[in-house]
Amino acid sequence: MSDQHIHATEEHGHDEHAGLSKKKIWQVFGILLLITVIEFIIALWVLPNEYMSQGVGNIVYILLTILKAFYIVAYFMHLKYEKLGLQLSLTVSFIFIIYFIVLMLIEGSFLHLHMPTQ
């Protein structure tokens, strides 16, 4: 009887990650490859030929990188299959870390410009 209970819980754990099949892995790989190709086209053709300004190019790079990070974390690190509470706690923590890094960079550049040098 205990063997049936262990077998049932093993199946339940396997069913939670059943959405990550070989087809889904290749699909995510294709999306990541497409995003990378777009980044290379922007870097090697669009920006040098000045079809897009450097500022807009930087924003596009940041957005594409965030999109790639989402796919990597969601599918290959299995965060998509976790409970909402864990997803929110990790996301909010990541946002605060980025926020504090930006604040430190702003503060550091302010001090560098306004502090007298010796």
PDB file of N, CA and C in Angstrom:
ATOM      1  N   MET A   1       0.819  -1.180   0.000  1.00  0.00           N
ATOM      2  CA  MET A   1       0.000   0.000   0.000  1.00  0.00           C
ATOM      3  C   MET A   1       0.868   1.251   0.000  1.00  0.00           C
ATOM      4  N   SER A   2       1.950   1.240   0.737  1.00  0.00           N
ATOM      5  CA  SER A   2       2.828   2.407   0.750  1.00  0.00           C
ATOM      6  C   SER A   2       3.521   2.566  -0.597  1.00  0.00           C
ATOM      7  N   ASP A   3       3.743   1.445  -1.330  1.00  0.00           N
ATOM      8  CA  ASP A   3       4.342   1.545  -2.659  1.00  0.00           C
ATOM      9  C   ASP A   3       3.423   2.312  -3.616  1.00  0.00           C
ATOM     10  N   GLN A   4       2.123   2.087  -3.487  1.00  0.00           N
ATOM     11  CA  GLN A   4       1.185   2.799  -4.359  1.00  0.00           C
ATOM     12  C   GLN A   4       1.194   4.293  -4.062  1.00  0.00           C
ATOM     13  N   HIS A   5       1.326   4.657  -2.803  1.00  0.00           N
ATOM     14  CA  HIS A   5       1.349   6.070  -2.434  1.00  0.00           C
ATOM     15  C   HIS A   5       2.618   6.739  -2.970  1.00  0.00           C
ATOM     16  N   ILE A   6       3.739   6.083  -2.866  1.00  0.00           N
ATOM     17  CA  ILE A   6       4.997   6.636  -3.378  1.00  0.00           C
ATOM     18  C   ILE A   6       4.917   6.773  -4.891  1.00  0.00           C
ATOM     19  N   HIS A   7       4.373   5.769  -5.547  1.00  0.00           N
ATOM     20  CA  HIS A   7       4.249   5.813  -7.003  1.00  0.00           C
ATOM     21  C   HIS A   7       3.319   6.957  -7.431  1.00  0.00           C
ATOM     22  N   ALA A   8       2.257   7.175  -6.684  1.00  0.00           N
ATOM     23  CA  ALA A   8       1.301   8.245  -7.033  1.00  0.00           C
ATOM     24  C   ALA A   8       1.948   9.616  -6.866  1.00  0.00           C
ATOM     25  N   THR A   9       2.753   9.810  -5.828  1.00  0.00           N
ATOM     26  CA  THR A   9       3.390  11.114  -5.649  1.00  0.00           C
ATOM     27  C   THR A   9       4.488  11.337  -6.677  1.00  0.00           C
ATOM     28  N   GLU A  10       5.159  10.268  -7.111  1.00  0.00           N
ATOM     29  CA  GLU A  10       6.166  10.424  -8.160  1.00  0.00           C
ATOM     30  C   GLU A  10       5.518  10.846  -9.465  1.00  0.00           C
ATOM     31  N   GLU A  11       4.371  10.262  -9.772  1.00  0.00           N
ATOM     32  CA  GLU A  11       3.668  10.645 -10.991  1.00  0.00           C
ATOM     33  C   GLU A  11       3.196  12.088 -10.906  1.00  0.00           C
ATOM     34  N   HIS A  12       2.735  12.495  -9.727  1.00  0.00           N
ATOM     35  CA  HIS A  12       2.267  13.866  -9.560  1.00  0.00           C
ATOM     36  C   HIS A  12       3.413  14.851  -9.788  1.00  0.00           C
ATOM     37  N   GLY A  13       4.589  14.568  -9.257  1.00  0.00           N
ATOM     38  CA  GLY A  13       5.741  15.433  -9.467  1.00  0.00           C
ATOM     39  C   GLY A  13       6.151  15.476 -10.925  1.00  0.00           C
ATOM     40  N   HIS A  14       5.998  14.365 -11.611  1.00  0.00           N
ATOM     41  CA  HIS A  14       6.359  14.324 -13.029  1.00  0.00           C
ATOM     42  C   HIS A  14       5.339  15.073 -13.880  1.00  0.00           C
ATOM     43  N   ASP A  15       4.067  15.023 -13.493  1.00  0.00           N
ATOM     44  CA  ASP A  15       3.025  15.692 -14.266  1.00  0.00           C
ATOM     45  C   ASP A  15       3.137  17.206 -14.198  1.00  0.00           C
ATOM     46  N   GLU A  16       3.678  17.746 -13.100  1.00  0.00           N
ATOM     47  CA  GLU A  16       3.822  19.191 -13.004  1.00  0.00           C
ATOM     48  C   GLU A  16       4.755  19.714 -14.084  1.00  0.00           C
ATOM     49  N   HIS A  17       5.775  18.956 -14.440  1.00  0.00           N
ATOM     50  CA  HIS A  17       6.749  19.380 -15.439  1.00  0.00           C
ATOM     51  C   HIS A  17       6.521  18.713 -16.791  1.00  0.00           C
ATOM     52  N   ALA A  18       5.346  18.147 -16.982  1.00  0.00           N
ATOM     53  CA  ALA A  18       5.068  17.461 -18.234  1.00  0.00           C
ATOM     54  C   ALA A  18       4.991  18.429 -19.409  1.00  0.00           C
ATOM     55  N   GLY A  19       4.753  19.713 -19.151  1.00  0.00           N
ATOM     56  CA  GLY A  19       4.662  20.694 -20.217  1.00  0.00           C
ATOM     57  C   GLY A  19       5.992  20.951 -20.907  1.00  0.00           C
ATOM     58  N   LEU A  20       7.085  20.549 -20.306  1.00  0.00           N
ATOM     59  CA  LEU A  20       8.407  20.780 -20.877  1.00  0.00           C
ATOM     60  C   LEU A  20       8.839  19.541 -21.656  1.00  0.00           C
ATOM     61  N   SER A  21       8.263  19.380 -22.822  1.00  0.00           N
ATOM     62  CA  SER A  21       8.592  18.253 -23.687  1.00  0.00           C
ATOM     63  C   SER A  21       9.730  18.657 -24.621  1.00  0.00           C
ATOM     64  N   LYS A  22      10.186  17.699 -25.417  1.00  0.00           N
ATOM     65  CA  LYS A  22      11.240  18.003 -26.385  1.00  0.00           C
ATOM     66  C   LYS A  22      10.771  19.055 -27.379  1.00  0.00           C
ATOM     67  N   LYS A  23       9.515  18.973 -27.764  1.00  0.00           N
ATOM     68  CA  LYS A  23       8.969  19.950 -28.701  1.00  0.00           C
ATOM     69  C   LYS A  23       9.011  21.355 -28.097  1.00  0.00           C
ATOM     70  N   LYS A  24       8.638  21.477 -26.830  1.00  0.00           N
ATOM     71  CA  LYS A  24       8.643  22.785 -26.164  1.00  0.00           C
ATOM     72  C   LYS A  24      10.065  23.300 -25.998  1.00  0.00           C
ATOM     73  N   ILE A  25      10.998  22.426 -25.690  1.00  0.00           N
ATOM     74  CA  ILE A  25      12.396  22.842 -25.558  1.00  0.00           C
ATOM     75  C   ILE A  25      12.905  23.389 -26.881  1.00  0.00           C
ATOM     76  N   TRP A  26      12.618  22.702 -27.985  1.00  0.00           N
ATOM     77  CA  TRP A  26      13.052  23.182 -29.300  1.00  0.00           C
ATOM     78  C   TRP A  26      12.337  24.470 -29.681  1.00  0.00           C
ATOM     79  N   GLN A  27      11.090  24.604 -29.273  1.00  0.00           N
ATOM     80  CA  GLN A  27      10.354  25.831 -29.551  1.00  0.00           C
ATOM     81  C   GLN A  27      10.987  27.019 -28.815  1.00  0.00           C
ATOM     82  N   VAL A  28      11.308  26.841 -27.554  1.00  0.00           N
ATOM     83  CA  VAL A  28      11.962  27.902 -26.784  1.00  0.00           C
ATOM     84  C   VAL A  28      13.347  28.184 -27.356  1.00  0.00           C
ATOM     85  N   PHE A  29      14.064  27.140 -27.752  1.00  0.00           N
ATOM     86  CA  PHE A  29      15.367  27.335 -28.392  1.00  0.00           C
ATOM     87  C   PHE A  29      15.223  28.176 -29.659  1.00  0.00           C
ATOM     88  N   GLY A  30      14.200  27.897 -30.460  1.00  0.00           N
ATOM     89  CA  GLY A  30      13.967  28.670 -31.680  1.00  0.00           C
ATOM     90  C   GLY A  30      13.667  30.132 -31.384  1.00  0.00           C
ATOM     91  N   ILE A  31      12.872  30.378 -30.345  1.00  0.00           N
ATOM     92  CA  ILE A  31      12.563  31.756 -29.961  1.00  0.00           C
ATOM     93  C   ILE A  31      13.825  32.477 -29.512  1.00  0.00           C
ATOM     94  N   LEU A  32      14.642  31.817 -28.691  1.00  0.00           N
ATOM     95  CA  LEU A  32      15.893  32.422 -28.233  1.00  0.00           C
ATOM     96  C   LEU A  32      16.841  32.667 -29.399  1.00  0.00           C
ATOM     97  N   LEU A  33      16.887  31.738 -30.343  1.00  0.00           N
ATOM     98  CA  LEU A  33      17.731  31.913 -31.525  1.00  0.00           C
ATOM     99  C   LEU A  33      17.245  33.086 -32.373  1.00  0.00           C
ATOM    100  N   LEU A  34      15.947  33.210 -32.537  1.00  0.00           N
ATOM    101  CA  LEU A  34      15.377  34.313 -33.308  1.00  0.00           C
ATOM    102  C   LEU A  34      15.704  35.662 -32.663  1.00  0.00           C
ATOM    103  N   ILE A  35      15.566  35.741 -31.352  1.00  0.00           N
ATOM    104  CA  ILE A  35      15.891  36.981 -30.649  1.00  0.00           C
ATOM    105  C   ILE A  35      17.368  37.317 -30.823  1.00  0.00           C
ATOM    106  N   THR A  36      18.233  36.307 -30.735  1.00  0.00           N
ATOM    107  CA  THR A  36      19.664  36.534 -30.925  1.00  0.00           C
ATOM    108  C   THR A  36      19.976  37.003 -32.336  1.00  0.00           C
ATOM    109  N   VAL A  37      19.318  36.418 -33.328  1.00  0.00           N
ATOM    110  CA  VAL A  37      19.520  36.843 -34.717  1.00  0.00           C
ATOM    111  C   VAL A  37      19.090  38.300 -34.894  1.00  0.00           C
ATOM    112  N   ILE A  38      17.972  38.668 -34.290  1.00  0.00           N
ATOM    113  CA  ILE A  38      17.514  40.059 -34.361  1.00  0.00           C
ATOM    114  C   ILE A  38      18.547  40.993 -33.731  1.00  0.00           C
ATOM    115  N   GLU A  39      19.108  40.590 -32.603  1.00  0.00           N
ATOM    116  CA  GLU A  39      20.141  41.412 -31.967  1.00  0.00           C
ATOM    117  C   GLU A  39      21.359  41.568 -32.868  1.00  0.00           C
ATOM    118  N   PHE A  40      21.782  40.494 -33.517  1.00  0.00           N
ATOM    119  CA  PHE A  40      22.926  40.576 -34.419  1.00  0.00           C
ATOM    120  C   PHE A  40      22.624  41.461 -35.630  1.00  0.00           C
ATOM    121  N   ILE A  41      21.418  41.365 -36.166  1.00  0.00           N
ATOM    122  CA  ILE A  41      21.053  42.213 -37.311  1.00  0.00           C
ATOM    123  C   ILE A  41      21.093  43.681 -36.903  1.00  0.00           C
ATOM    124  N   ILE A  42      20.589  43.979 -35.727  1.00  0.00           N
ATOM    125  CA  ILE A  42      20.623  45.359 -35.251  1.00  0.00           C
ATOM    126  C   ILE A  42      22.065  45.820 -35.063  1.00  0.00           C
ATOM    127  N   ALA A  43      22.901  44.972 -34.464  1.00  0.00           N
ATOM    128  CA  ALA A  43      24.275  45.364 -34.179  1.00  0.00           C
ATOM    129  C   ALA A  43      25.139  45.476 -35.430  1.00  0.00           C
ATOM    130  N   LEU A  44      24.932  44.600 -36.399  1.00  0.00           N
ATOM    131  CA  LEU A  44      25.835  44.551 -37.548  1.00  0.00           C
ATOM    132  C   LEU A  44      25.309  45.258 -38.792  1.00  0.00           C
ATOM    133  N   TRP A  45      24.019  45.583 -38.830  1.00  0.00           N
ATOM    134  CA  TRP A  45      23.496  46.203 -40.034  1.00  0.00           C
ATOM    135  C   TRP A  45      22.710  47.483 -39.744  1.00  0.00           C
ATOM    136  N   VAL A  46      21.808  47.444 -38.774  1.00  0.00           N
ATOM    137  CA  VAL A  46      20.928  48.588 -38.522  1.00  0.00           C
ATOM    138  C   VAL A  46      21.692  49.761 -37.907  1.00  0.00           C
ATOM    139  N   LEU A  47      22.432  49.518 -36.837  1.00  0.00           N
ATOM    140  CA  LEU A  47      23.149  50.604 -36.173  1.00  0.00           C
ATOM    141  C   LEU A  47      24.301  51.172 -37.009  1.00  0.00           C
ATOM    142  N   PRO A  48      25.135  50.356 -37.656  1.00  0.00           N
ATOM    143  CA  PRO A  48      26.206  50.944 -38.476  1.00  0.00           C
ATOM    144  C   PRO A  48      25.691  51.758 -39.662  1.00  0.00           C
ATOM    145  N   ASN A  49      24.564  51.383 -40.239  1.00  0.00           N
ATOM    146  CA  ASN A  49      23.984  52.129 -41.353  1.00  0.00           C
ATOM    147  C   ASN A  49      23.078  53.264 -40.882  1.00  0.00           C
ATOM    148  N   GLU A  50      23.009  53.477 -39.589  1.00  0.00           N
ATOM    149  CA  GLU A  50      22.251  54.561 -38.948  1.00  0.00           C
ATOM    150  C   GLU A  50      20.767  54.556 -39.302  1.00  0.00           C
ATOM    151  N   TYR A  51      20.184  53.356 -39.388  1.00  0.00           N
ATOM    152  CA  TYR A  51      18.735  53.250 -39.546  1.00  0.00           C
ATOM    153  C   TYR A  51      18.025  53.460 -38.210  1.00  0.00           C
ATOM    154  N   MET A  52      18.797  53.387 -37.132  1.00  0.00           N
ATOM    155  CA  MET A  52      18.263  53.536 -35.784  1.00  0.00           C
ATOM    156  C   MET A  52      19.324  54.266 -34.962  1.00  0.00           C
ATOM    157  N   SER A  53      18.894  55.164 -34.081  1.00  0.00           N
ATOM    158  CA  SER A  53      19.867  55.871 -33.250  1.00  0.00           C
ATOM    159  C   SER A  53      20.433  54.927 -32.184  1.00  0.00           C
ATOM    160  N   GLN A  54      21.555  55.309 -31.626  1.00  0.00           N
ATOM    161  CA  GLN A  54      22.216  54.475 -30.617  1.00  0.00           C
ATOM    162  C   GLN A  54      21.346  54.331 -29.365  1.00  0.00           C
ATOM    163  N   GLY A  55      20.651  55.399 -28.979  1.00  0.00           N
ATOM    164  CA  GLY A  55      19.780  55.341 -27.796  1.00  0.00           C
ATOM    165  C   GLY A  55      18.633  54.369 -27.978  1.00  0.00           C
ATOM    166  N   VAL A  56      17.998  54.431 -29.134  1.00  0.00           N
ATOM    167  CA  VAL A  56      16.899  53.494 -29.414  1.00  0.00           C
ATOM    168  C   VAL A  56      17.446  52.073 -29.505  1.00  0.00           C
ATOM    169  N   GLY A  57      18.630  51.927 -30.111  1.00  0.00           N
ATOM    170  CA  GLY A  57      19.265  50.607 -30.188  1.00  0.00           C
ATOM    171  C   GLY A  57      19.529  50.017 -28.817  1.00  0.00           C
ATOM    172  N   ASN A  58      19.984  50.857 -27.877  1.00  0.00           N
ATOM    173  CA  ASN A  58      20.223  50.375 -26.510  1.00  0.00           C
ATOM    174  C   ASN A  58      18.933  49.923 -25.843  1.00  0.00           C
ATOM    175  N   ILE A  59      17.865  50.683 -26.037  1.00  0.00           N
ATOM    176  CA  ILE A  59      16.576  50.298 -25.441  1.00  0.00           C
ATOM    177  C   ILE A  59      16.086  48.984 -26.043  1.00  0.00           C
ATOM    178  N   VAL A  60      16.237  48.823 -27.356  1.00  0.00           N
ATOM    179  CA  VAL A  60      15.819  47.570 -28.008  1.00  0.00           C
ATOM    180  C   VAL A  60      16.646  46.400 -27.481  1.00  0.00           C
ATOM    181  N   TYR A  61      17.967  46.601 -27.337  1.00  0.00           N
ATOM    182  CA  TYR A  61      18.821  45.543 -26.777  1.00  0.00           C
ATOM    183  C   TYR A  61      18.373  45.150 -25.379  1.00  0.00           C
ATOM    184  N   ILE A  62      18.085  46.131 -24.539  1.00  0.00           N
ATOM    185  CA  ILE A  62      17.661  45.843 -23.168  1.00  0.00           C
ATOM    186  C   ILE A  62      16.354  45.058 -23.170  1.00  0.00           C
ATOM    187  N   LEU A  63      15.397  45.471 -23.984  1.00  0.00           N
ATOM    188  CA  LEU A  63      14.112  44.762 -24.041  1.00  0.00           C
ATOM    189  C   LEU A  63      14.281  43.329 -24.566  1.00  0.00           C
ATOM    190  N   LEU A  64      15.104  43.154 -25.598  1.00  0.00           N
ATOM    191  CA  LEU A  64      15.325  41.806 -26.127  1.00  0.00           C
ATOM    192  C   LEU A  64      16.055  40.930 -25.115  1.00  0.00           C
ATOM    193  N   THR A  65      16.983  41.514 -24.376  1.00  0.00           N
ATOM    194  CA  THR A  65      17.709  40.751 -23.356  1.00  0.00           C
ATOM    195  C   THR A  65      16.779  40.345 -22.216  1.00  0.00           C
ATOM    196  N   ILE A  66      15.887  41.230 -21.816  1.00  0.00           N
ATOM    197  CA  ILE A  66      14.916  40.884 -20.772  1.00  0.00           C
ATOM    198  C   ILE A  66      13.987  39.768 -21.263  1.00  0.00           C
ATOM    199  N   LEU A  67      13.589  39.835 -22.521  1.00  0.00           N
ATOM    200  CA  LEU A  67      12.750  38.779 -23.088  1.00  0.00           C
ATOM    201  C   LEU A  67      13.485  37.435 -23.101  1.00  0.00           C
ATOM    202  N   LYS A  68      14.763  37.451 -23.491  1.00  0.00           N
ATOM    203  CA  LYS A  68      15.543  36.214 -23.471  1.00  0.00           C
ATOM    204  C   LYS A  68      15.694  35.688 -22.049  1.00  0.00           C
ATOM    205  N   ALA A  69      15.935  36.586 -21.099  1.00  0.00           N
ATOM    206  CA  ALA A  69      16.064  36.161 -19.695  1.00  0.00           C
ATOM    207  C   ALA A  69      14.769  35.537 -19.198  1.00  0.00           C
ATOM    208  N   PHE A  70      13.632  36.087 -19.608  1.00  0.00           N
ATOM    209  CA  PHE A  70      12.350  35.508 -19.212  1.00  0.00           C
ATOM    210  C   PHE A  70      12.224  34.068 -19.693  1.00  0.00           C
ATOM    211  N   TYR A  71      12.524  33.835 -20.963  1.00  0.00           N
ATOM    212  CA  TYR A  71      12.397  32.481 -21.508  1.00  0.00           C
ATOM    213  C   TYR A  71      13.361  31.515 -20.823  1.00  0.00           C
ATOM    214  N   ILE A  72      14.575  31.955 -20.569  1.00  0.00           N
ATOM    215  CA  ILE A  72      15.550  31.076 -19.911  1.00  0.00           C
ATOM    216  C   ILE A  72      15.097  30.725 -18.504  1.00  0.00           C
ATOM    217  N   VAL A  73      14.690  31.732 -17.744  1.00  0.00           N
ATOM    218  CA  VAL A  73      14.274  31.487 -16.361  1.00  0.00           C
ATOM    219  C   VAL A  73      12.964  30.704 -16.315  1.00  0.00           C
ATOM    220  N   ALA A  74      12.027  31.025 -17.176  1.00  0.00           N
ATOM    221  CA  ALA A  74      10.716  30.382 -17.124  1.00  0.00           C
ATOM    222  C   ALA A  74      10.780  28.913 -17.522  1.00  0.00           C
ATOM    223  N   TYR A  75      11.519  28.606 -18.580  1.00  0.00           N
ATOM    224  CA  TYR A  75      11.483  27.233 -19.089  1.00  0.00           C
ATOM    225  C   TYR A  75      12.670  26.386 -18.660  1.00  0.00           C
ATOM    226  N   PHE A  76      13.885  26.904 -18.778  1.00  0.00           N
ATOM    227  CA  PHE A  76      15.045  26.076 -18.468  1.00  0.00           C
ATOM    228  C   PHE A  76      15.356  26.032 -16.986  1.00  0.00           C
ATOM    229  N   MET A  77      14.921  27.038 -16.233  1.00  0.00           N
ATOM    230  CA  MET A  77      15.087  27.008 -14.781  1.00  0.00           C
ATOM    231  C   MET A  77      13.770  26.621 -14.100  1.00  0.00           C
ATOM    232  N   HIS A  78      12.753  26.265 -14.886  1.00  0.00           N
ATOM    233  CA  HIS A  78      11.472  25.717 -14.439  1.00  0.00           C
ATOM    234  C   HIS A  78      10.673  26.648 -13.538  1.00  0.00           C
ATOM    235  N   LEU A  79      10.896  27.955 -13.623  1.00  0.00           N
ATOM    236  CA  LEU A  79      10.121  28.875 -12.793  1.00  0.00           C
ATOM    237  C   LEU A  79       8.669  28.952 -13.248  1.00  0.00           C
ATOM    238  N   LYS A  80       8.406  28.677 -14.501  1.00  0.00           N
ATOM    239  CA  LYS A  80       7.037  28.719 -15.023  1.00  0.00           C
ATOM    240  C   LYS A  80       6.154  27.692 -14.323  1.00  0.00           C
ATOM    241  N   TYR A  81       6.748  26.628 -13.857  1.00  0.00           N
ATOM    242  CA  TYR A  81       5.982  25.552 -13.241  1.00  0.00           C
ATOM    243  C   TYR A  81       5.885  25.678 -11.723  1.00  0.00           C
ATOM    244  N   GLU A  82       6.441  26.727 -11.165  1.00  0.00           N
ATOM    245  CA  GLU A  82       6.375  26.929  -9.715  1.00  0.00           C
ATOM    246  C   GLU A  82       5.083  27.649  -9.349  1.00  0.00           C
ATOM    247  N   LYS A  83       4.838  27.718  -8.058  1.00  0.00           N
ATOM    248  CA  LYS A  83       3.639  28.399  -7.576  1.00  0.00           C
ATOM    249  C   LYS A  83       3.796  29.911  -7.727  1.00  0.00           C
ATOM    250  N   LEU A  84       2.685  30.599  -7.768  1.00  0.00           N
ATOM    251  CA  LEU A  84       2.668  32.041  -7.985  1.00  0.00           C
ATOM    252  C   LEU A  84       3.428  32.788  -6.895  1.00  0.00           C
ATOM    253  N   GLY A  85       3.351  32.331  -5.656  1.00  0.00           N
ATOM    254  CA  GLY A  85       4.046  33.000  -4.555  1.00  0.00           C
ATOM    255  C   GLY A  85       5.549  33.020  -4.753  1.00  0.00           C
ATOM    256  N   LEU A  86       6.110  31.893  -5.173  1.00  0.00           N
ATOM    257  CA  LEU A  86       7.548  31.835  -5.420  1.00  0.00           C
ATOM    258  C   LEU A  86       7.920  32.705  -6.607  1.00  0.00           C
ATOM    259  N   GLN A  87       7.111  32.688  -7.657  1.00  0.00           N
ATOM    260  CA  GLN A  87       7.382  33.526  -8.824  1.00  0.00           C
ATOM    261  C   GLN A  87       7.391  35.004  -8.438  1.00  0.00           C
ATOM    262  N   LEU A  88       6.398  35.418  -7.671  1.00  0.00           N
ATOM    263  CA  LEU A  88       6.319  36.819  -7.272  1.00  0.00           C
ATOM    264  C   LEU A  88       7.464  37.209  -6.344  1.00  0.00           C
ATOM    265  N   SER A  89       7.829  36.340  -5.413  1.00  0.00           N
ATOM    266  CA  SER A  89       8.914  36.684  -4.494  1.00  0.00           C
ATOM    267  C   SER A  89      10.239  36.822  -5.238  1.00  0.00           C
ATOM    268  N   LEU A  90      10.506  35.954  -6.188  1.00  0.00           N
ATOM    269  CA  LEU A  90      11.735  36.071  -6.963  1.00  0.00           C
ATOM    270  C   LEU A  90      11.717  37.290  -7.869  1.00  0.00           C
ATOM    271  N   THR A  91      10.583  37.559  -8.494  1.00  0.00           N
ATOM    272  CA  THR A  91      10.479  38.709  -9.399  1.00  0.00           C
ATOM    273  C   THR A  91      10.631  40.018  -8.635  1.00  0.00           C
ATOM    274  N   VAL A  92       9.942  40.153  -7.514  1.00  0.00           N
ATOM    275  CA  VAL A  92      10.041  41.386  -6.725  1.00  0.00           C
ATOM    276  C   VAL A  92      11.461  41.567  -6.193  1.00  0.00           C
ATOM    277  N   SER A  93      12.079  40.500  -5.744  1.00  0.00           N
ATOM    278  CA  SER A  93      13.468  40.592  -5.273  1.00  0.00           C
ATOM    279  C   SER A  93      14.401  41.045  -6.385  1.00  0.00           C
ATOM    280  N   PHE A  94      14.224  40.494  -7.568  1.00  0.00           N
ATOM    281  CA  PHE A  94      15.054  40.870  -8.711  1.00  0.00           C
ATOM    282  C   PHE A  94      14.851  42.333  -9.065  1.00  0.00           C
ATOM    283  N   ILE A  95      13.617  42.811  -9.040  1.00  0.00           N
ATOM    284  CA  ILE A  95      13.336  44.216  -9.348  1.00  0.00           C
ATOM    285  C   ILE A  95      14.009  45.127  -8.329  1.00  0.00           C
ATOM    286  N   PHE A  96      13.945  44.787  -7.041  1.00  0.00           N
ATOM    287  CA  PHE A  96      14.598  45.610  -6.031  1.00  0.00           C
ATOM    288  C   PHE A  96      16.120  45.603  -6.182  1.00  0.00           C
ATOM    289  N   ILE A  97      16.697  44.472  -6.529  1.00  0.00           N
ATOM    290  CA  ILE A  97      18.149  44.415  -6.735  1.00  0.00           C
ATOM    291  C   ILE A  97      18.548  45.326  -7.882  1.00  0.00           C
ATOM    292  N   ILE A  98      17.837  45.262  -8.993  1.00  0.00           N
ATOM    293  CA  ILE A  98      18.119  46.137 -10.132  1.00  0.00           C
ATOM    294  C   ILE A  98      17.929  47.599  -9.731  1.00  0.00           C
ATOM    295  N   TYR A  99      16.878  47.899  -8.992  1.00  0.00           N
ATOM    296  CA  TYR A  99      16.611  49.261  -8.528  1.00  0.00           C
ATOM    297  C   TYR A  99      17.769  49.781  -7.679  1.00  0.00           C
ATOM    298  N   PHE A 100      18.256  48.971  -6.748  1.00  0.00           N
ATOM    299  CA  PHE A 100      19.362  49.408  -5.896  1.00  0.00           C
ATOM    300  C   PHE A 100      20.658  49.571  -6.683  1.00  0.00           C
ATOM    301  N   ILE A 101      20.886  48.720  -7.675  1.00  0.00           N
ATOM    302  CA  ILE A 101      22.075  48.884  -8.516  1.00  0.00           C
ATOM    303  C   ILE A 101      22.009  50.205  -9.274  1.00  0.00           C
ATOM    304  N   VAL A 102      20.849  50.515  -9.835  1.00  0.00           N
ATOM    305  CA  VAL A 102      20.682  51.791 -10.553  1.00  0.00           C
ATOM    306  C   VAL A 102      20.884  52.964  -9.595  1.00  0.00           C
ATOM    307  N   LEU A 103      20.327  52.891  -8.395  1.00  0.00           N
ATOM    308  CA  LEU A 103      20.522  53.967  -7.419  1.00  0.00           C
ATOM    309  C   LEU A 103      21.994  54.153  -7.067  1.00  0.00           C
ATOM    310  N   MET A 104      22.709  53.058  -6.881  1.00  0.00           N
ATOM    311  CA  MET A 104      24.133  53.163  -6.547  1.00  0.00           C
ATOM    312  C   MET A 104      24.936  53.760  -7.705  1.00  0.00           C
ATOM    313  N   LEU A 105      24.587  53.413  -8.933  1.00  0.00           N
ATOM    314  CA  LEU A 105      25.277  53.989 -10.080  1.00  0.00           C
ATOM    315  C   LEU A 105      25.008  55.493 -10.195  1.00  0.00           C
ATOM    316  N   ILE A 106      23.765  55.896  -9.956  1.00  0.00           N
ATOM    317  CA  ILE A 106      23.433  57.322 -10.001  1.00  0.00           C
ATOM    318  C   ILE A 106      24.154  58.066  -8.886  1.00  0.00           C
ATOM    319  N   GLU A 107      24.123  57.523  -7.695  1.00  0.00           N
ATOM    320  CA  GLU A 107      24.790  58.158  -6.558  1.00  0.00           C
ATOM    321  C   GLU A 107      26.296  58.228  -6.778  1.00  0.00           C
ATOM    322  N   GLY A 108      26.865  57.153  -7.309  1.00  0.00           N
ATOM    323  CA  GLY A 108      28.307  57.141  -7.557  1.00  0.00           C
ATOM    324  C   GLY A 108      28.719  58.164  -8.591  1.00  0.00           C
ATOM    325  N   SER A 109      27.933  58.322  -9.647  1.00  0.00           N
ATOM    326  CA  SER A 109      28.283  59.316 -10.656  1.00  0.00           C
ATOM    327  C   SER A 109      28.086  60.731 -10.113  1.00  0.00           C
ATOM    328  N   PHE A 110      27.095  60.937  -9.252  1.00  0.00           N
ATOM    329  CA  PHE A 110      26.893  62.245  -8.635  1.00  0.00           C
ATOM    330  C   PHE A 110      28.079  62.606  -7.755  1.00  0.00           C
ATOM    331  N   LEU A 111      28.503  61.663  -6.920  1.00  0.00           N
ATOM    332  CA  LEU A 111      29.642  61.933  -6.038  1.00  0.00           C
ATOM    333  C   LEU A 111      30.918  62.157  -6.840  1.00  0.00           C
ATOM    334  N   HIS A 112      31.085  61.419  -7.909  1.00  0.00           N
ATOM    335  CA  HIS A 112      32.280  61.566  -8.737  1.00  0.00           C
ATOM    336  C   HIS A 112      32.334  62.964  -9.366  1.00  0.00           C
ATOM    337  N   LEU A 113      31.199  63.503  -9.759  1.00  0.00           N
ATOM    338  CA  LEU A 113      31.162  64.816 -10.392  1.00  0.00           C
ATOM    339  C   LEU A 113      31.260  65.973  -9.403  1.00  0.00           C
ATOM    340  N   HIS A 114      30.744  65.790  -8.186  1.00  0.00           N
ATOM    341  CA  HIS A 114      30.621  66.907  -7.259  1.00  0.00           C
ATOM    342  C   HIS A 114      31.571  66.871  -6.074  1.00  0.00           C
ATOM    343  N   MET A 115      32.360  65.844  -5.946  1.00  0.00           N
ATOM    344  CA  MET A 115      33.332  65.793  -4.841  1.00  0.00           C
ATOM    345  C   MET A 115      34.652  66.416  -5.306  1.00  0.00           C
ATOM    346  N   PRO A 116      35.258  67.204  -4.455  1.00  0.00           N
ATOM    347  CA  PRO A 116      36.557  67.767  -4.851  1.00  0.00           C
ATOM    348  C   PRO A 116      37.632  66.682  -4.883  1.00  0.00           C
ATOM    349  N   THR A 117      38.502  66.780  -5.863  1.00  0.00           N
ATOM    350  CA  THR A 117      39.603  65.811  -5.977  1.00  0.00           C
ATOM    351  C   THR A 117      40.801  66.336  -5.225  1.00  0.00           C
ATOM    352  N   GLN A 118      41.614  65.456  -4.705  1.00  0.00           N
ATOM    353  CA  GLN A 118      42.772  65.858  -3.917  1.00  0.00           C
ATOM    354  C   GLN A 118      44.040  65.699  -4.692  1.00  0.00           C
TER     355      GLN A 118
END
